[in-house]
Amino acid sequence: MIAGVAGGLGEYLAVDPTIIRLLIVLSLLLGLFPAVIAYAAAWAIVPEEPVLP
């Protein structure tokens, strides 16, 4: 999607990121505002992957 939230959650939960993306899209279709808030919160809370030299 936008910030790599689905990929990060998929990696953390050992689930295919495509499943996470589908769940995000489904939640956006069912109720826009709570899904946007949850996605933005995850974007702000989930740390970025460290850059290795």
N, C-alpha and C. Protein backbone atom coordinates (compact mmCIF):
# COMPACT_ATOMS: atom_id res chain seq x y z
N MET A 1 0.84 -1.16 0.00
CA MET A 1 0.00 0.00 0.00
C MET A 1 0.90 1.25 0.00
N ILE A 2 0.92 1.96 1.11
CA ILE A 2 1.66 3.22 1.11
C ILE A 2 2.97 3.11 1.87
N ALA A 3 2.93 2.64 3.10
CA ALA A 3 4.10 2.73 3.96
C ALA A 3 4.74 1.39 4.27
N GLY A 4 4.32 0.32 3.64
CA GLY A 4 4.90 -0.98 3.92
C GLY A 4 4.36 -1.62 5.18
N VAL A 5 3.24 -1.16 5.66
CA VAL A 5 2.66 -1.71 6.88
C VAL A 5 2.29 -3.17 6.68
N ALA A 6 1.67 -3.49 5.57
CA ALA A 6 1.24 -4.87 5.31
C ALA A 6 2.44 -5.81 5.21
N GLY A 7 3.48 -5.37 4.55
CA GLY A 7 4.68 -6.19 4.43
C GLY A 7 5.34 -6.43 5.78
N GLY A 8 5.41 -5.39 6.59
CA GLY A 8 6.01 -5.51 7.91
C GLY A 8 5.19 -6.40 8.83
N LEU A 9 3.88 -6.23 8.82
CA LEU A 9 3.02 -7.08 9.65
C LEU A 9 3.05 -8.53 9.17
N GLY A 10 3.08 -8.72 7.86
CA GLY A 10 3.17 -10.07 7.31
C GLY A 10 4.45 -10.76 7.72
N GLU A 11 5.55 -10.02 7.69
CA GLU A 11 6.84 -10.59 8.10
C GLU A 11 6.84 -10.90 9.59
N TYR A 12 6.31 -9.99 10.39
CA TYR A 12 6.27 -10.18 11.84
C TYR A 12 5.39 -11.36 12.24
N LEU A 13 4.25 -11.50 11.58
CA LEU A 13 3.30 -12.56 11.91
C LEU A 13 3.55 -13.85 11.13
N ALA A 14 4.54 -13.85 10.25
CA ALA A 14 4.86 -15.01 9.40
C ALA A 14 3.67 -15.40 8.54
N VAL A 15 3.05 -14.37 7.95
CA VAL A 15 1.89 -14.55 7.07
C VAL A 15 2.21 -13.85 5.76
N ASP A 16 1.66 -14.36 4.68
CA ASP A 16 1.86 -13.73 3.38
C ASP A 16 1.32 -12.30 3.41
N PRO A 17 2.12 -11.31 3.03
CA PRO A 17 1.66 -9.92 3.05
C PRO A 17 0.42 -9.68 2.19
N THR A 18 0.20 -10.51 1.18
CA THR A 18 -0.98 -10.36 0.34
C THR A 18 -2.25 -10.55 1.15
N ILE A 19 -2.22 -11.47 2.10
CA ILE A 19 -3.39 -11.69 2.96
C ILE A 19 -3.64 -10.46 3.81
N ILE A 20 -2.58 -9.88 4.35
CA ILE A 20 -2.71 -8.67 5.16
C ILE A 20 -3.27 -7.53 4.30
N ARG A 21 -2.77 -7.40 3.08
CA ARG A 21 -3.25 -6.34 2.18
C ARG A 21 -4.73 -6.51 1.87
N LEU A 22 -5.15 -7.76 1.63
CA LEU A 22 -6.56 -8.02 1.35
C LEU A 22 -7.43 -7.67 2.56
N LEU A 23 -6.95 -7.98 3.76
CA LEU A 23 -7.69 -7.63 4.97
C LEU A 23 -7.79 -6.12 5.14
N ILE A 24 -6.74 -5.40 4.81
CA ILE A 24 -6.77 -3.94 4.90
C ILE A 24 -7.77 -3.37 3.90
N VAL A 25 -7.74 -3.86 2.67
CA VAL A 25 -8.68 -3.37 1.65
C VAL A 25 -10.12 -3.71 2.05
N LEU A 26 -10.33 -4.91 2.56
CA LEU A 26 -11.67 -5.30 3.00
C LEU A 26 -12.17 -4.39 4.13
N SER A 27 -11.29 -4.09 5.07
CA SER A 27 -11.69 -3.22 6.17
C SER A 27 -11.96 -1.79 5.67
N LEU A 28 -11.23 -1.36 4.65
CA LEU A 28 -11.48 -0.05 4.08
C LEU A 28 -12.85 -0.01 3.40
N LEU A 29 -13.23 -1.11 2.76
CA LEU A 29 -14.52 -1.16 2.08
C LEU A 29 -15.68 -1.22 3.07
N LEU A 30 -15.46 -1.88 4.20
CA LEU A 30 -16.54 -2.04 5.18
C LEU A 30 -16.74 -0.81 6.05
N GLY A 31 -15.68 -0.10 6.33
CA GLY A 31 -15.78 1.09 7.18
C GLY A 31 -14.53 1.91 7.02
N LEU A 32 -14.61 2.97 6.28
CA LEU A 32 -13.43 3.72 5.87
C LEU A 32 -12.67 4.34 7.03
N PHE A 33 -13.34 5.06 7.89
CA PHE A 33 -12.64 5.86 8.89
C PHE A 33 -11.82 5.03 9.90
N PRO A 34 -12.36 3.99 10.53
CA PRO A 34 -11.55 3.22 11.49
C PRO A 34 -10.34 2.54 10.84
N ALA A 35 -10.48 2.09 9.61
CA ALA A 35 -9.37 1.44 8.93
C ALA A 35 -8.25 2.44 8.63
N VAL A 36 -8.61 3.64 8.26
CA VAL A 36 -7.60 4.68 7.98
C VAL A 36 -6.86 5.03 9.27
N ILE A 37 -7.58 5.15 10.38
CA ILE A 37 -6.96 5.45 11.66
C ILE A 37 -6.01 4.33 12.07
N ALA A 38 -6.44 3.08 11.92
CA ALA A 38 -5.60 1.94 12.29
C ALA A 38 -4.35 1.87 11.42
N TYR A 39 -4.49 2.11 10.11
CA TYR A 39 -3.35 2.08 9.21
C TYR A 39 -2.36 3.19 9.55
N ALA A 40 -2.86 4.39 9.82
CA ALA A 40 -1.99 5.50 10.17
C ALA A 40 -1.28 5.24 11.50
N ALA A 41 -1.99 4.65 12.45
CA ALA A 41 -1.36 4.32 13.73
C ALA A 41 -0.26 3.28 13.54
N ALA A 42 -0.52 2.27 12.74
CA ALA A 42 0.51 1.26 12.48
C ALA A 42 1.70 1.87 11.76
N TRP A 43 1.45 2.79 10.85
CA TRP A 43 2.51 3.48 10.12
C TRP A 43 3.40 4.25 11.09
N ALA A 44 2.79 4.85 12.10
CA ALA A 44 3.55 5.64 13.07
C ALA A 44 4.23 4.79 14.13
N ILE A 45 3.62 3.67 14.50
CA ILE A 45 4.12 2.86 15.62
C ILE A 45 5.16 1.83 15.19
N VAL A 46 4.93 1.16 14.09
CA VAL A 46 5.82 0.08 13.64
C VAL A 46 7.17 0.68 13.25
N PRO A 47 8.25 0.20 13.85
CA PRO A 47 9.57 0.76 13.52
C PRO A 47 10.03 0.35 12.12
N GLU A 48 10.84 1.19 11.54
CA GLU A 48 11.40 0.87 10.23
C GLU A 48 12.48 -0.19 10.39
N GLU A 49 12.69 -0.93 9.32
CA GLU A 49 13.74 -1.93 9.32
C GLU A 49 15.10 -1.23 9.34
N PRO A 50 16.00 -1.68 10.20
CA PRO A 50 17.31 -1.00 10.25
C PRO A 50 18.08 -1.21 8.95
N VAL A 51 18.80 -0.19 8.56
CA VAL A 51 19.61 -0.25 7.34
C VAL A 51 20.97 -0.84 7.72
N LEU A 52 21.33 -1.92 7.06
CA LEU A 52 22.61 -2.56 7.32
C LEU A 52 23.67 -2.01 6.37
N PRO A 53 24.88 -1.83 6.86
CA PRO A 53 25.94 -1.28 6.00
C PRO A 53 26.39 -2.24 4.94
